[in-house]
N, C-alpha and C. Protein backbone atom coordinates (compact mmCIF):
# COMPACT_ATOMS: atom_id res chain seq x y z
N UNK A 1 94.36 47.28 105.97
CA UNK A 1 95.48 48.19 106.61
C UNK A 1 94.71 49.19 107.44
N UNK A 2 95.28 49.30 108.54
CA UNK A 2 94.69 50.36 109.45
C UNK A 2 95.78 51.67 109.46
N UNK A 3 95.39 52.62 108.85
CA UNK A 3 96.09 53.70 108.57
C UNK A 3 95.61 54.83 109.44
N UNK A 4 96.17 55.23 110.66
CA UNK A 4 95.60 56.38 111.47
C UNK A 4 96.30 57.64 111.13
N UNK A 5 96.08 58.68 111.75
CA UNK A 5 96.58 59.82 111.47
C UNK A 5 98.17 59.98 111.67
N UNK A 6 98.81 60.52 110.58
CA UNK A 6 100.21 60.52 110.72
C UNK A 6 100.92 59.46 109.90
N UNK A 7 100.22 58.47 109.55
CA UNK A 7 100.62 57.45 108.62
C UNK A 7 100.46 57.66 107.10
N UNK A 8 101.54 57.20 106.34
CA UNK A 8 101.15 57.28 104.97
C UNK A 8 101.10 56.09 104.49
N UNK A 9 100.43 56.13 103.19
CA UNK A 9 100.26 55.19 102.36
C UNK A 9 100.25 55.24 100.83
N UNK A 10 100.40 54.52 99.84
CA UNK A 10 100.38 54.54 98.71
C UNK A 10 99.65 53.59 97.93
N UNK A 11 99.01 53.77 96.87
CA UNK A 11 98.14 52.77 96.12
C UNK A 11 96.97 52.57 96.74
N UNK A 12 96.13 51.71 96.18
CA UNK A 12 94.89 51.40 96.75
C UNK A 12 95.04 50.90 98.42
N UNK A 13 94.09 51.18 99.26
CA UNK A 13 94.27 50.85 100.70
C UNK A 13 92.90 50.98 101.41
N UNK A 14 92.75 50.09 102.53
CA UNK A 14 91.77 50.23 103.41
C UNK A 14 92.32 51.08 104.60
N UNK A 15 91.45 51.82 105.06
CA UNK A 15 91.63 52.66 106.22
C UNK A 15 90.68 52.59 107.26
N UNK A 16 90.95 52.49 108.31
CA UNK A 16 89.86 52.54 109.47
C UNK A 16 89.89 53.87 110.01
N UNK A 17 88.89 54.47 110.07
CA UNK A 17 89.00 55.91 110.49
C UNK A 17 87.85 56.30 111.49
N UNK A 18 87.96 57.27 112.35
CA UNK A 18 87.05 57.66 113.36
C UNK A 18 86.07 58.73 112.73
N UNK A 19 84.86 58.64 113.12
CA UNK A 19 83.80 59.59 112.68
C UNK A 19 83.73 60.54 113.82
N UNK A 20 82.82 61.74 113.54
CA UNK A 20 82.79 62.91 114.39
C UNK A 20 82.09 62.33 115.76
N UNK A 21 81.23 61.43 115.60
CA UNK A 21 80.58 61.01 117.05
C UNK A 21 81.36 59.90 117.76
N UNK A 22 82.51 59.65 117.45
CA UNK A 22 83.39 58.60 118.11
C UNK A 22 83.21 57.34 117.83
N UNK A 23 82.66 56.88 116.61
CA UNK A 23 82.44 55.73 116.06
C UNK A 23 83.59 55.44 115.10
N UNK A 24 83.52 54.21 114.41
CA UNK A 24 84.69 53.76 113.63
C UNK A 24 84.08 53.52 112.43
N UNK A 25 84.72 53.60 111.08
CA UNK A 25 84.23 53.00 109.78
C UNK A 25 85.44 52.66 108.90
N UNK A 26 85.11 51.89 107.91
CA UNK A 26 86.24 51.56 106.85
C UNK A 26 85.96 52.43 105.58
N UNK A 27 86.98 52.73 105.07
CA UNK A 27 87.05 53.32 103.69
C UNK A 27 88.03 52.78 102.68
N UNK A 28 87.63 52.55 101.77
CA UNK A 28 88.72 51.83 100.42
C UNK A 28 88.98 53.25 99.75
N UNK A 29 90.36 53.47 99.75
CA UNK A 29 90.83 54.73 99.17
C UNK A 29 91.72 54.35 97.87
N UNK A 30 91.47 55.14 96.91
CA UNK A 30 92.26 54.86 95.60
C UNK A 30 93.52 55.59 95.79
N UNK A 31 94.53 55.20 94.79
CA UNK A 31 95.81 55.73 94.89
C UNK A 31 95.67 57.40 94.65
N UNK A 32 94.69 58.05 94.24
CA UNK A 32 94.79 59.42 94.25
C UNK A 32 94.07 59.99 95.42
N UNK A 33 93.68 59.41 96.52
CA UNK A 33 93.22 59.60 97.69
C UNK A 33 91.67 59.95 97.69
N UNK A 34 90.99 59.49 96.72
CA UNK A 34 89.58 59.43 96.59
C UNK A 34 89.12 58.34 97.38
N UNK A 35 87.99 58.57 98.34
CA UNK A 35 87.47 57.44 98.88
C UNK A 35 86.60 56.85 97.95
N UNK A 36 86.50 55.61 97.63
CA UNK A 36 85.79 54.74 96.66
C UNK A 36 84.54 53.94 97.49
N UNK A 37 84.91 53.53 98.71
CA UNK A 37 83.93 52.68 99.29
C UNK A 37 83.81 53.19 100.85
N UNK A 38 82.89 53.22 101.49
CA UNK A 38 82.75 53.59 102.80
C UNK A 38 81.77 52.79 103.53
N UNK A 39 82.00 52.12 104.76
CA UNK A 39 81.25 51.10 105.33
C UNK A 39 80.38 51.83 106.32
N UNK A 40 79.42 51.13 106.97
CA UNK A 40 78.72 51.75 108.08
C UNK A 40 79.55 51.98 109.24
N UNK A 41 78.93 52.67 110.18
CA UNK A 41 79.91 52.98 111.42
C UNK A 41 79.58 51.83 112.35
N UNK A 42 80.76 51.80 113.14
CA UNK A 42 80.81 50.73 114.35
C UNK A 42 81.05 51.47 115.75
N UNK A 43 80.57 51.07 116.75
CA UNK A 43 80.77 51.57 118.09
C UNK A 43 82.22 51.20 118.60
N UNK A 44 82.57 50.05 118.07
CA UNK A 44 83.79 49.39 118.77
C UNK A 44 84.80 49.32 117.52
N UNK A 45 85.95 49.64 117.57
CA UNK A 45 86.89 49.63 116.55
C UNK A 45 87.34 48.21 116.10
N UNK A 46 87.23 47.17 117.09
CA UNK A 46 87.26 45.66 116.74
C UNK A 46 86.33 45.33 115.73
N UNK A 47 85.31 45.84 115.80
CA UNK A 47 84.14 45.46 114.61
C UNK A 47 84.60 46.19 113.45
N UNK A 48 85.04 47.42 113.26
CA UNK A 48 85.48 47.94 112.13
C UNK A 48 86.67 47.01 111.38
N UNK A 49 87.42 46.51 112.24
CA UNK A 49 88.68 45.67 111.96
C UNK A 49 88.06 44.42 111.31
N UNK A 50 87.01 43.88 112.10
CA UNK A 50 86.45 42.80 111.51
C UNK A 50 85.80 42.69 110.11
N UNK A 51 85.25 43.93 110.02
CA UNK A 51 84.59 44.20 108.66
C UNK A 51 85.67 44.14 107.52
N UNK A 52 86.84 44.94 107.77
CA UNK A 52 87.77 44.93 107.05
C UNK A 52 88.40 43.39 106.62
N UNK A 53 88.57 42.65 107.60
CA UNK A 53 88.98 41.18 107.54
C UNK A 53 88.08 40.33 106.65
N UNK A 54 86.86 40.61 106.95
CA UNK A 54 85.77 40.03 106.07
C UNK A 54 85.86 40.26 104.73
N UNK A 55 86.06 41.51 104.27
CA UNK A 55 86.13 42.00 102.95
C UNK A 55 87.29 41.36 102.49
N UNK A 56 88.36 41.30 103.05
CA UNK A 56 89.79 40.64 102.43
C UNK A 56 89.48 39.22 102.16
N UNK A 57 88.67 38.49 103.12
CA UNK A 57 88.51 37.00 102.92
C UNK A 57 87.53 36.69 102.10
N UNK A 58 86.33 37.54 101.99
CA UNK A 58 85.19 37.03 101.27
C UNK A 58 85.15 37.85 99.83
N UNK A 59 85.77 38.95 99.70
CA UNK A 59 85.58 39.86 98.56
C UNK A 59 86.08 39.39 97.33
N UNK A 60 87.31 38.64 97.37
CA UNK A 60 87.67 38.07 95.93
C UNK A 60 86.77 37.24 95.19
N UNK A 61 85.95 36.55 96.20
CA UNK A 61 85.00 35.52 95.46
C UNK A 61 83.50 36.15 95.27
N UNK A 62 83.29 37.30 95.70
CA UNK A 62 81.92 37.82 95.73
C UNK A 62 81.85 38.26 94.30
N UNK A 63 80.24 38.15 94.03
CA UNK A 63 79.70 38.54 92.77
C UNK A 63 79.52 40.08 92.60
N UNK A 64 79.82 40.61 91.62
CA UNK A 64 79.83 41.99 91.23
C UNK A 64 78.38 42.53 90.65
N UNK A 65 77.81 43.45 91.38
CA UNK A 65 76.57 43.90 90.65
C UNK A 65 76.75 45.45 90.24
N UNK A 66 76.23 45.82 89.04
CA UNK A 66 76.30 46.86 88.52
C UNK A 66 74.90 47.76 88.80
N UNK A 67 74.84 48.65 89.68
CA UNK A 67 73.59 49.22 90.02
C UNK A 67 73.49 50.70 89.43
N UNK A 68 74.10 51.02 88.48
CA UNK A 68 73.98 52.15 87.76
C UNK A 68 72.86 52.34 86.92
C-alpha cells in the first residue's frame, strides 16, 4: 500500500516514503504508528514499489529467523 502525505490508514500497513536525500524506502508500520521494518533506499520509486510487491509475494512463505 502506498500511503503518501495526507492519506490515512489503520492497522498494519506498508508505506512507501521519501527520504531527506530524495530517495524512496519502504516501511512496515504497526497499528500504533510505530515503524517495525524499514527497507534500504532506492533512487527510483518504482524500485521501492517492486520491493513491496516482492515482500507481498514471497513473504508469506519465507523462513523466520530470530536474531536476538
